[in-house]
PDB file of N, CA and C in Angstrom:
ATOM      1  N   MET A   1     -21.545  -1.664  17.020  1.00  0.00           N
ATOM      2  CA  MET A   1     -20.078  -3.005  15.851  1.00  0.00           C
ATOM      3  C   MET A   1     -20.491  -1.473  14.522  1.00  0.00           C
ATOM      4  N   GLU A   2     -21.173  -0.907  13.857  1.00  0.00           N
ATOM      5  CA  GLU A   2     -21.896  -0.087  12.953  1.00  0.00           C
ATOM      6  C   GLU A   2     -21.603   0.546  13.451  1.00  0.00           C
ATOM      7  N   MET A   3     -21.549   1.426  13.874  1.00  0.00           N
ATOM      8  CA  MET A   3     -20.691   2.837  14.613  1.00  0.00           C
ATOM      9  C   MET A   3     -19.686   2.748  14.173  1.00  0.00           C
ATOM     10  N   ILE A   4     -18.862   1.860  15.226  1.00  0.00           N
ATOM     11  CA  ILE A   4     -17.240   1.283  15.161  1.00  0.00           C
ATOM     12  C   ILE A   4     -16.751   1.285  13.519  1.00  0.00           C
ATOM     13  N   ASP A   5     -17.276  -0.081  13.595  1.00  0.00           N
ATOM     14  CA  ASP A   5     -16.865  -0.374  11.688  1.00  0.00           C
ATOM     15  C   ASP A   5     -16.933   1.599  10.629  1.00  0.00           C
ATOM     16  N   HIS A   6     -17.967   3.061  11.182  1.00  0.00           N
ATOM     17  CA  HIS A   6     -17.651   3.527   9.970  1.00  0.00           C
ATOM     18  C   HIS A   6     -16.758   4.020  10.588  1.00  0.00           C
ATOM     19  N   LEU A   7     -16.729   5.200  12.450  1.00  0.00           N
ATOM     20  CA  LEU A   7     -16.181   5.401  12.417  1.00  0.00           C
ATOM     21  C   LEU A   7     -14.528   4.691  12.352  1.00  0.00           C
ATOM     22  N   GLU A   8     -13.706   3.582  11.833  1.00  0.00           N
ATOM     23  CA  GLU A   8     -12.610   3.262  11.717  1.00  0.00           C
ATOM     24  C   GLU A   8     -12.669   3.367  10.300  1.00  0.00           C
ATOM     25  N   ARG A   9     -13.412   3.579   8.823  1.00  0.00           N
ATOM     26  CA  ARG A   9     -13.406   3.641   7.393  1.00  0.00           C
ATOM     27  C   ARG A   9     -13.260   5.346   7.747  1.00  0.00           C
ATOM     28  N   LEU A  10     -13.598   5.888   8.388  1.00  0.00           N
ATOM     29  CA  LEU A  10     -13.323   7.636   8.081  1.00  0.00           C
ATOM     30  C   LEU A  10     -12.404   7.897   8.614  1.00  0.00           C
ATOM     31  N   ALA A  11     -11.766   7.880   9.838  1.00  0.00           N
ATOM     32  CA  ALA A  11     -10.249   7.876  10.445  1.00  0.00           C
ATOM     33  C   ALA A  11     -10.362   7.071   9.696  1.00  0.00           C
ATOM     34  N   LEU A  12      -9.298   6.062   8.649  1.00  0.00           N
ATOM     35  CA  LEU A  12      -8.381   4.817   8.962  1.00  0.00           C
ATOM     36  C   LEU A  12      -7.663   4.588   9.826  1.00  0.00           C
ATOM     37  N   VAL A  13      -7.951   4.716  11.015  1.00  0.00           N
ATOM     38  CA  VAL A  13      -8.007   3.907  11.514  1.00  0.00           C
ATOM     39  C   VAL A  13      -7.705   2.706  12.852  1.00  0.00           C
ATOM     40  N   ASP A  14      -7.110   1.758  12.983  1.00  0.00           N
ATOM     41  CA  ASP A  14      -6.932   0.453  13.431  1.00  0.00           C
ATOM     42  C   ASP A  14      -8.002   0.168  14.370  1.00  0.00           C
ATOM     43  N   PHE A  15      -8.825   0.212  14.627  1.00  0.00           N
ATOM     44  CA  PHE A  15      -9.541  -0.495  16.611  1.00  0.00           C
ATOM     45  C   PHE A  15      -9.516  -1.905  17.032  1.00  0.00           C
ATOM     46  N   ARG A  16      -8.426  -2.649  16.368  1.00  0.00           N
ATOM     47  CA  ARG A  16      -8.985  -4.361  16.038  1.00  0.00           C
ATOM     48  C   ARG A  16      -8.535  -4.355  17.775  1.00  0.00           C
ATOM     49  N   ASN A  17      -7.097  -3.199  18.169  1.00  0.00           N
ATOM     50  CA  ASN A  17      -6.113  -4.227  19.306  1.00  0.00           C
ATOM     51  C   ASN A  17      -6.413  -3.036  20.141  1.00  0.00           C
ATOM     52  N   GLN A  18      -6.593  -2.772  21.515  1.00  0.00           N
ATOM     53  CA  GLN A  18      -6.616  -2.768  23.101  1.00  0.00           C
ATOM     54  C   GLN A  18      -6.795  -1.594  22.748  1.00  0.00           C
ATOM     55  N   GLU A  19      -5.510  -1.112  21.975  1.00  0.00           N
ATOM     56  CA  GLU A  19      -4.867   0.216  22.157  1.00  0.00           C
ATOM     57  C   GLU A  19      -6.186   1.255  21.753  1.00  0.00           C
ATOM     58  N   GLY A  20      -5.681   0.708  20.420  1.00  0.00           N
ATOM     59  CA  GLY A  20      -7.110   1.202  19.128  1.00  0.00           C
ATOM     60  C   GLY A  20      -8.629   1.445  19.892  1.00  0.00           C
ATOM     61  N   ILE A  21      -8.793   0.615  21.229  1.00  0.00           N
ATOM     62  CA  ILE A  21      -9.907   1.071  21.436  1.00  0.00           C
ATOM     63  C   ILE A  21     -10.018   1.982  22.799  1.00  0.00           C
ATOM     64  N   GLU A  22      -9.107   1.825  23.586  1.00  0.00           N
ATOM     65  CA  GLU A  22      -9.203   3.007  24.142  1.00  0.00           C
ATOM     66  C   GLU A  22      -9.226   4.548  23.910  1.00  0.00           C
ATOM     67  N   ARG A  23      -8.307   4.208  22.848  1.00  0.00           N
ATOM     68  CA  ARG A  23      -8.062   6.024  22.015  1.00  0.00           C
ATOM     69  C   ARG A  23      -9.785   6.122  21.305  1.00  0.00           C
ATOM     70  N   LEU A  24      -9.825   5.714  21.115  1.00  0.00           N
ATOM     71  CA  LEU A  24     -11.560   5.994  20.498  1.00  0.00           C
ATOM     72  C   LEU A  24     -12.316   6.521  21.185  1.00  0.00           C
ATOM     73  N   ALA A  25     -11.905   5.292  22.697  1.00  0.00           N
ATOM     74  CA  ALA A  25     -13.105   5.642  24.293  1.00  0.00           C
ATOM     75  C   ALA A  25     -12.480   6.811  24.722  1.00  0.00           C
ATOM     76  N   ASP A  26     -11.177   7.488  24.201  1.00  0.00           N
ATOM     77  CA  ASP A  26     -11.233   8.521  25.423  1.00  0.00           C
ATOM     78  C   ASP A  26     -11.834  10.134  24.449  1.00  0.00           C
ATOM     79  N   ALA A  27     -11.107  10.350  23.009  1.00  0.00           N
ATOM     80  CA  ALA A  27     -11.682  10.820  22.145  1.00  0.00           C
ATOM     81  C   ALA A  27     -12.943  11.097  22.819  1.00  0.00           C
ATOM     82  N   ILE A  28     -14.087   9.168  22.347  1.00  0.00           N
ATOM     83  CA  ILE A  28     -15.624  10.517  22.391  1.00  0.00           C
ATOM     84  C   ILE A  28     -15.853  10.705  24.407  1.00  0.00           C
ATOM     85  N   GLN A  29     -15.303  10.401  25.292  1.00  0.00           N
ATOM     86  CA  GLN A  29     -15.610  11.418  26.457  1.00  0.00           C
ATOM     87  C   GLN A  29     -14.176  12.357  26.172  1.00  0.00           C
ATOM     88  N   PHE A  30     -13.784  12.803  25.579  1.00  0.00           N
ATOM     89  CA  PHE A  30     -13.603  14.344  24.993  1.00  0.00           C
ATOM     90  C   PHE A  30     -14.723  14.854  24.559  1.00  0.00           C
ATOM     91  N   ALA A  31     -15.158  14.214  22.989  1.00  0.00           N
ATOM     92  CA  ALA A  31     -15.895  15.305  23.008  1.00  0.00           C
ATOM     93  C   ALA A  31     -17.089  15.063  23.504  1.00  0.00           C
ATOM     94  N   ASN A  32     -17.656  14.120  24.381  1.00  0.00           N
ATOM     95  CA  ASN A  32     -18.498  13.815  25.269  1.00  0.00           C
ATOM     96  C   ASN A  32     -18.647  16.057  26.089  1.00  0.00           C
ATOM     97  N   GLN A  33     -17.838  16.249  26.450  1.00  0.00           N
ATOM     98  CA  GLN A  33     -17.979  17.465  27.209  1.00  0.00           C
ATOM     99  C   GLN A  33     -18.981  18.569  26.290  1.00  0.00           C
ATOM    100  N   LEU A  34     -18.479  18.749  25.491  1.00  0.00           N
ATOM    101  CA  LEU A  34     -19.112  19.478  24.700  1.00  0.00           C
ATOM    102  C   LEU A  34     -20.675  19.684  24.452  1.00  0.00           C
ATOM    103  N   HIS A  35     -21.281  18.799  25.914  1.00  0.00           N
ATOM    104  CA  HIS A  35     -23.043  18.691  25.780  1.00  0.00           C
ATOM    105  C   HIS A  35     -22.510  19.794  26.610  1.00  0.00           C
ATOM    106  N   ALA A  36     -22.128  19.853  28.066  1.00  0.00           N
ATOM    107  CA  ALA A  36     -21.571  20.138  29.241  1.00  0.00           C
ATOM    108  C   ALA A  36     -21.797  22.137  28.695  1.00  0.00           C
ATOM    109  N   VAL A  37     -21.148  22.459  26.936  1.00  0.00           N
ATOM    110  CA  VAL A  37     -21.516  24.019  27.428  1.00  0.00           C
ATOM    111  C   VAL A  37     -22.153  24.028  26.597  1.00  0.00           C
ATOM    112  N   ASP A  38     -22.692  25.412  27.765  1.00  0.00           N
ATOM    113  CA  ASP A  38     -24.368  26.764  28.018  1.00  0.00           C
ATOM    114  C   ASP A  38     -23.762  27.235  26.144  1.00  0.00           C
ATOM    115  N   THR A  39     -24.617  26.508  25.499  1.00  0.00           N
ATOM    116  CA  THR A  39     -24.976  28.015  24.112  1.00  0.00           C
ATOM    117  C   THR A  39     -26.030  28.671  24.212  1.00  0.00           C
ATOM    118  N   GLU A  40     -26.874  29.015  25.341  1.00  0.00           N
ATOM    119  CA  GLU A  40     -28.484  29.605  24.467  1.00  0.00           C
ATOM    120  C   GLU A  40     -27.753  31.087  25.284  1.00  0.00           C
ATOM    121  N   GLY A  41     -28.226  31.853  23.935  1.00  0.00           N
ATOM    122  CA  GLY A  41     -28.440  33.076  24.058  1.00  0.00           C
ATOM    123  C   GLY A  41     -27.431  32.939  23.061  1.00  0.00           C
ATOM    124  N   VAL A  42     -26.234  32.110  22.438  1.00  0.00           N
ATOM    125  CA  VAL A  42     -25.608  32.495  21.450  1.00  0.00           C
ATOM    126  C   VAL A  42     -25.991  31.983  20.461  1.00  0.00           C
ATOM    127  N   GLU A  43     -25.489  32.906  19.697  1.00  0.00           N
ATOM    128  CA  GLU A  43     -25.937  33.324  18.120  1.00  0.00           C
ATOM    129  C   GLU A  43     -24.324  32.370  17.251  1.00  0.00           C
ATOM    130  N   PRO A  44     -24.981  31.701  16.215  1.00  0.00           N
ATOM    131  CA  PRO A  44     -24.020  30.779  15.120  1.00  0.00           C
ATOM    132  C   PRO A  44     -23.000  31.756  15.037  1.00  0.00           C
ATOM    133  N   MET A  45     -21.991  31.434  14.138  1.00  0.00           N
ATOM    134  CA  MET A  45     -21.097  32.051  13.971  1.00  0.00           C
ATOM    135  C   MET A  45     -20.938  32.300  12.315  1.00  0.00           C
ATOM    136  N   ASP A  46     -20.632  33.333  11.583  1.00  0.00           N
ATOM    137  CA  ASP A  46     -20.624  32.768  10.204  1.00  0.00           C
ATOM    138  C   ASP A  46     -19.210  32.665   9.377  1.00  0.00           C
ATOM    139  N   SER A  47     -18.313  33.757  10.432  1.00  0.00           N
ATOM    140  CA  SER A  47     -17.259  33.388   9.843  1.00  0.00           C
ATOM    141  C   SER A  47     -15.954  33.921  11.501  1.00  0.00           C
ATOM    142  N   VAL A  48     -14.869  33.378  11.147  1.00  0.00           N
ATOM    143  CA  VAL A  48     -14.220  34.170  12.030  1.00  0.00           C
ATOM    144  C   VAL A  48     -13.753  35.337  12.066  1.00  0.00           C
ATOM    145  N   LEU A  49     -13.849  35.919  11.117  1.00  0.00           N
ATOM    146  CA  LEU A  49     -13.499  38.083  10.755  1.00  0.00           C
ATOM    147  C   LEU A  49     -15.049  37.573  10.557  1.00  0.00           C
ATOM    148  N   GLU A  50     -15.583  38.168  12.223  1.00  0.00           N
ATOM    149  CA  GLU A  50     -17.418  38.992  12.196  1.00  0.00           C
ATOM    150  C   GLU A  50     -16.657  39.802  12.552  1.00  0.00           C
ATOM    151  N   ASP A  51     -15.981  40.891  11.929  1.00  0.00           N
ATOM    152  CA  ASP A  51     -16.249  42.168  12.418  1.00  0.00           C
ATOM    153  C   ASP A  51     -16.045  43.395  10.956  1.00  0.00           C
ATOM    154  N   ARG A  52     -15.663  42.128  10.460  1.00  0.00           N
ATOM    155  CA  ARG A  52     -15.282  42.976   9.109  1.00  0.00           C
ATOM    156  C   ARG A  52     -16.107  41.196   7.653  1.00  0.00           C
ATOM    157  N   PRO A  53     -16.396  41.807   6.139  1.00  0.00           N
ATOM    158  CA  PRO A  53     -16.766  40.858   5.083  1.00  0.00           C
ATOM    159  C   PRO A  53     -15.856  40.412   4.871  1.00  0.00           C
ATOM    160  N   LEU A  54     -15.393  38.513   4.672  1.00  0.00           N
ATOM    161  CA  LEU A  54     -14.578  38.108   3.270  1.00  0.00           C
ATOM    162  C   LEU A  54     -14.332  38.668   2.840  1.00  0.00           C
ATOM    163  N   TYR A  55     -13.205  38.852   2.346  1.00  0.00           N
ATOM    164  CA  TYR A  55     -12.013  39.192   1.144  1.00  0.00           C
ATOM    165  C   TYR A  55     -12.710  38.694  -0.394  1.00  0.00           C
ATOM    166  N   LEU A  56     -13.058  38.528  -0.789  1.00  0.00           N
ATOM    167  CA  LEU A  56     -13.630  37.880  -2.693  1.00  0.00           C
ATOM    168  C   LEU A  56     -12.588  38.569  -3.164  1.00  0.00           C
ATOM    169  N   ARG A  57     -11.556  37.509  -3.841  1.00  0.00           N
ATOM    170  CA  ARG A  57     -10.722  37.938  -5.016  1.00  0.00           C
ATOM    171  C   ARG A  57     -11.841  37.315  -6.377  1.00  0.00           C
ATOM    172  N   ALA A  58     -11.093  38.431  -7.656  1.00  0.00           N
ATOM    173  CA  ALA A  58     -11.887  38.346  -8.525  1.00  0.00           C
ATOM    174  C   ALA A  58     -10.629  37.444  -9.558  1.00  0.00           C
ATOM    175  N   ASP A  59     -11.396  36.237  -9.867  1.00  0.00           N
ATOM    176  CA  ASP A  59     -10.292  34.908 -10.274  1.00  0.00           C
ATOM    177  C   ASP A  59     -10.662  34.684 -11.690  1.00  0.00           C
ATOM    178  N   LYS A  60      -9.398  34.907 -12.191  1.00  0.00           N
ATOM    179  CA  LYS A  60      -8.793  35.273 -13.676  1.00  0.00           C
ATOM    180  C   LYS A  60      -8.524  33.423 -14.084  1.00  0.00           C
ATOM    181  N   VAL A  61      -8.985  32.850 -15.083  1.00  0.00           N
ATOM    182  CA  VAL A  61      -7.984  32.078 -15.579  1.00  0.00           C
ATOM    183  C   VAL A  61      -7.042  32.023 -16.947  1.00  0.00           C
ATOM    184  N   THR A  62      -5.483  31.489 -16.569  1.00  0.00           N
ATOM    185  CA  THR A  62      -5.264  31.913 -16.607  1.00  0.00           C
ATOM    186  C   THR A  62      -4.460  30.900 -17.624  1.00  0.00           C
ATOM    187  N   GLU A  63      -4.648  29.696 -17.326  1.00  0.00           N
ATOM    188  CA  GLU A  63      -4.208  28.497 -17.654  1.00  0.00           C
ATOM    189  C   GLU A  63      -5.688  27.047 -17.612  1.00  0.00           C
ATOM    190  N   GLY A  64      -5.479  26.423 -18.272  1.00  0.00           N
ATOM    191  CA  GLY A  64      -6.507  25.198 -17.898  1.00  0.00           C
ATOM    192  C   GLY A  64      -6.198  24.581 -18.866  1.00  0.00           C
ATOM    193  N   TYR A  65      -7.149  23.540 -19.079  1.00  0.00           N
ATOM    194  CA  TYR A  65      -7.642  22.414 -20.057  1.00  0.00           C
ATOM    195  C   TYR A  65      -6.268  21.467 -20.084  1.00  0.00           C
ATOM    196  N   CYS A  66      -5.889  20.831 -18.852  1.00  0.00           N
ATOM    197  CA  CYS A  66      -4.466  20.821 -18.545  1.00  0.00           C
ATOM    198  C   CYS A  66      -4.672  18.903 -18.149  1.00  0.00           C
ATOM    199  N   ALA A  67      -6.174  19.041 -18.006  1.00  0.00           N
ATOM    200  CA  ALA A  67      -6.232  18.200 -17.024  1.00  0.00           C
ATOM    201  C   ALA A  67      -5.696  16.041 -17.217  1.00  0.00           C
ATOM    202  N   GLU A  68      -5.433  16.729 -18.541  1.00  0.00           N
ATOM    203  CA  GLU A  68      -5.005  15.041 -19.388  1.00  0.00           C
ATOM    204  C   GLU A  68      -3.566  14.859 -18.366  1.00  0.00           C
ATOM    205  N   ALA A  69      -3.189  16.177 -18.662  1.00  0.00           N
ATOM    206  CA  ALA A  69      -1.510  16.243 -18.215  1.00  0.00           C
ATOM    207  C   ALA A  69      -1.893  16.038 -17.116  1.00  0.00           C
ATOM    208  N   ILE A  70      -2.358  16.287 -16.282  1.00  0.00           N
ATOM    209  CA  ILE A  70      -1.630  15.823 -14.666  1.00  0.00           C
ATOM    210  C   ILE A  70      -2.690  14.304 -13.838  1.00  0.00           C
ATOM    211  N   LEU A  71      -3.450  13.480 -14.760  1.00  0.00           N
ATOM    212  CA  LEU A  71      -4.340  12.672 -14.499  1.00  0.00           C
ATOM    213  C   LEU A  71      -2.900  11.444 -14.486  1.00  0.00           C
ATOM    214  N   SER A  72      -2.039  11.863 -16.232  1.00  0.00           N
ATOM    215  CA  SER A  72      -1.301  11.264 -15.943  1.00  0.00           C
ATOM    216  C   SER A  72       0.223  11.022 -15.500  1.00  0.00           C
ATOM    217  N   ASN A  73      -0.329  11.329 -14.453  1.00  0.00           N
ATOM    218  CA  ASN A  73       0.767  10.688 -13.152  1.00  0.00           C
ATOM    219  C   ASN A  73       0.695  10.347 -12.637  1.00  0.00           C
ATOM    220  N   VAL A  74      -0.945  10.283 -12.073  1.00  0.00           N
ATOM    221  CA  VAL A  74      -1.338   9.673 -11.127  1.00  0.00           C
ATOM    222  C   VAL A  74      -2.264   8.485 -11.400  1.00  0.00           C
ATOM    223  N   LYS A  75      -1.535   7.567 -10.448  1.00  0.00           N
ATOM    224  CA  LYS A  75      -1.975   5.940 -10.687  1.00  0.00           C
ATOM    225  C   LYS A  75      -3.049   5.499 -10.909  1.00  0.00           C
ATOM    226  N   GLN A  76      -4.516   5.640 -10.140  1.00  0.00           N
ATOM    227  CA  GLN A  76      -5.751   5.294 -10.658  1.00  0.00           C
ATOM    228  C   GLN A  76      -6.292   5.936 -11.069  1.00  0.00           C
ATOM    229  N   VAL A  77      -7.364   6.218 -11.972  1.00  0.00           N
ATOM    230  CA  VAL A  77      -8.394   7.508 -12.312  1.00  0.00           C
ATOM    231  C   VAL A  77      -9.974   5.982 -12.310  1.00  0.00           C
ATOM    232  N   VAL A  78     -10.956   7.179 -12.226  1.00  0.00           N
ATOM    233  CA  VAL A  78     -12.249   6.378 -12.323  1.00  0.00           C
ATOM    234  C   VAL A  78     -13.346   8.242 -12.683  1.00  0.00           C
ATOM    235  N   GLU A  79     -13.822   8.017 -13.749  1.00  0.00           N
ATOM    236  CA  GLU A  79     -14.122   8.787 -14.355  1.00  0.00           C
ATOM    237  C   GLU A  79     -13.645  10.236 -14.502  1.00  0.00           C
ATOM    238  N   GLY A  80     -12.961   9.745 -15.251  1.00  0.00           N
ATOM    239  CA  GLY A  80     -11.977  11.443 -15.073  1.00  0.00           C
ATOM    240  C   GLY A  80     -11.628  11.969 -13.245  1.00  0.00           C
ATOM    241  N   TYR A  81     -11.702  11.460 -12.564  1.00  0.00           N
ATOM    242  CA  TYR A  81     -12.006  11.547 -11.788  1.00  0.00           C
ATOM    243  C   TYR A  81     -10.035  11.111 -10.430  1.00  0.00           C
ATOM    244  N   LEU A  82      -9.160  11.570 -10.006  1.00  0.00           N
ATOM    245  CA  LEU A  82      -7.835  10.969  -9.755  1.00  0.00           C
ATOM    246  C   LEU A  82      -8.668   9.900  -8.591  1.00  0.00           C
ATOM    247  N   VAL A  83      -8.023   8.820  -8.019  1.00  0.00           N
ATOM    248  CA  VAL A  83      -9.286   8.343  -7.129  1.00  0.00           C
ATOM    249  C   VAL A  83      -7.421   8.297  -5.394  1.00  0.00           C
ATOM    250  N   ALA A  84      -7.354   9.124  -4.959  1.00  0.00           N
ATOM    251  CA  ALA A  84      -6.339   9.097  -3.736  1.00  0.00           C
ATOM    252  C   ALA A  84      -6.342   7.365  -2.903  1.00  0.00           C
ATOM    253  N   PRO A  85      -4.471   7.212  -2.637  1.00  0.00           N
ATOM    254  CA  PRO A  85      -4.973   6.038  -2.718  1.00  0.00           C
ATOM    255  C   PRO A  85      -5.177   5.490  -0.663  1.00  0.00           C
ATOM    256  N   PRO A  86      -5.207   4.881  -0.284  1.00  0.00           N
ATOM    257  CA  PRO A  86      -5.952   4.354   1.069  1.00  0.00           C
ATOM    258  C   PRO A  86      -5.199   4.846   2.104  1.00  0.00           C
ATOM    259  N   GLY A  87      -5.823   4.612   3.188  1.00  0.00           N
ATOM    260  CA  GLY A  87      -5.378   4.923   4.180  1.00  0.00           C
ATOM    261  C   GLY A  87      -4.020   3.825   4.336  1.00  0.00           C
ATOM    262  N   ASN A  88      -3.238   4.663   6.145  1.00  0.00           N
ATOM    263  CA  ASN A  88      -1.585   3.859   6.082  1.00  0.00           C
ATOM    264  C   ASN A  88      -1.854   2.750   7.040  1.00  0.00           C
ATOM    265  N   ILE A  89      -3.362   2.726   6.954  1.00  0.00           N
ATOM    266  CA  ILE A  89      -3.926   1.561   7.796  1.00  0.00           C
ATOM    267  C   ILE A  89      -4.382   0.390   6.919  1.00  0.00           C
ATOM    268  N   PRO A  90      -4.035  -0.780   6.249  1.00  0.00           N
ATOM    269  CA  PRO A  90      -4.909  -1.338   5.786  1.00  0.00           C
ATOM    270  C   PRO A  90      -5.732  -2.125   6.816  1.00  0.00           C
ATOM    271  N   LEU A  91      -7.148  -2.207   6.373  1.00  0.00           N
ATOM    272  CA  LEU A  91      -8.533  -2.670   6.692  1.00  0.00           C
ATOM    273  C   LEU A  91      -8.454  -3.916   6.690  1.00  0.00           C
ATOM    274  N   PRO A  92      -8.747  -4.712   8.351  1.00  0.00           N
ATOM    275  CA  PRO A  92      -9.227  -6.008   7.942  1.00  0.00           C
ATOM    276  C   PRO A  92     -11.458  -5.910   7.116  1.00  0.00           C
ATOM    277  N   LYS A  93     -11.186  -6.964   6.737  1.00  0.00           N
ATOM    278  CA  LYS A  93     -12.977  -7.251   6.008  1.00  0.00           C
ATOM    279  C   LYS A  93     -13.524  -6.784   7.502  1.00  0.00           C
ATOM    280  N   LYS A  94     -14.696  -5.854   7.843  1.00  0.00           N
ATOM    281  CA  LYS A  94     -15.452  -6.072   8.766  1.00  0.00           C
ATOM    282  C   LYS A  94     -16.131  -7.629   9.760  1.00  0.00           C
ATOM    283  N   GLU A  95     -15.524  -8.762   9.033  1.00  0.00           N
ATOM    284  CA  GLU A  95     -16.140  -9.783   9.496  1.00  0.00           C
ATOM    285  C   GLU A  95     -15.027 -10.537  10.662  1.00  0.00           C
ATOM    286  N   GLU A  96     -13.690  -9.933   9.840  1.00  0.00           N
ATOM    287  CA  GLU A  96     -13.106 -10.069  10.668  1.00  0.00           C
ATOM    288  C   GLU A  96     -12.488  -9.334  11.745  1.00  0.00           C
ATOM    289  N   ARG A  97     -13.176  -8.157  11.662  1.00  0.00           N
ATOM    290  CA  ARG A  97     -12.596  -7.252  13.412  1.00  0.00           C
ATOM    291  C   ARG A  97     -13.917  -7.743  14.459  1.00  0.00           C
ATOM    292  N   ASP A  98     -14.888  -8.143  13.948  1.00  0.00           N
ATOM    293  CA  ASP A  98     -16.392  -8.085  15.079  1.00  0.00           C
ATOM    294  C   ASP A  98     -15.720  -8.924  15.777  1.00  0.00           C
ATOM    295  N   SER A  99     -14.822 -10.697  16.036  1.00  0.00           N
ATOM    296  CA  SER A  99     -14.838 -11.308  17.059  1.00  0.00           C
ATOM    297  C   SER A  99     -13.879 -10.460  18.374  1.00  0.00           C
ATOM    298  N   PHE A 100     -12.725  -9.550  17.467  1.00  0.00           N
ATOM    299  CA  PHE A 100     -12.060  -8.592  18.407  1.00  0.00           C
ATOM    300  C   PHE A 100     -12.613  -8.049  19.394  1.00  0.00           C
ATOM    301  N   ILE A 101     -14.086  -6.493  18.650  1.00  0.00           N
ATOM    302  CA  ILE A 101     -14.626  -6.257  19.433  1.00  0.00           C
ATOM    303  C   ILE A 101     -15.501  -6.241  20.149  1.00  0.00           C
ATOM    304  N   GLN A 102     -16.090  -7.768  19.308  1.00  0.00           N
ATOM    305  CA  GLN A 102     -17.501  -8.797  20.909  1.00  0.00           C
ATOM    306  C   GLN A 102     -16.704  -8.944  21.827  1.00  0.00           C
ATOM    307  N   HIS A 103     -15.348  -9.387  22.066  1.00  0.00           N
ATOM    308  CA  HIS A 103     -14.816  -9.320  23.307  1.00  0.00           C
ATOM    309  C   HIS A 103     -13.935  -8.388  23.764  1.00  0.00           C
ATOM    310  N   SER A 104     -14.386  -6.927  23.658  1.00  0.00           N
ATOM    311  CA  SER A 104     -13.245  -6.216  23.734  1.00  0.00           C
ATOM    312  C   SER A 104     -15.115  -5.686  25.053  1.00  0.00           C
ATOM    313  N   ASN A 105     -14.426  -4.104  25.458  1.00  0.00           N
ATOM    314  CA  ASN A 105     -15.424  -3.889  26.244  1.00  0.00           C
ATOM    315  C   ASN A 105     -16.725  -2.518  26.022  1.00  0.00           C
ATOM    316  N   TRP A 106     -16.761  -2.866  24.949  1.00  0.00           N
ATOM    317  CA  TRP A 106     -17.356  -2.074  23.940  1.00  0.00           C
ATOM    318  C   TRP A 106     -19.046  -2.815  24.223  1.00  0.00           C
TER     319      TRP A 106
END
């Protein structure tokens, strides 16, 4: 129950209905295939550009100190940071979802 609640909040996907739970089950089944991949002797990749070093540019600050002007366009600011709007699916409280999830095949 806690894992589903956590995934729901991370993905901003509502798993309250059968379609949502089936979609989650399909995603988990797909991801479980990765356990079958033999990675014995395979070195981890540091970059997709393994044969050459990554390009680094010298950054020069040409403008700045405009945070106040930028944040003036934002709907909600907390401690100097903009607060992103929530996902497009409003999630109900955990207690409201528990009854549906308990009656599913999970």
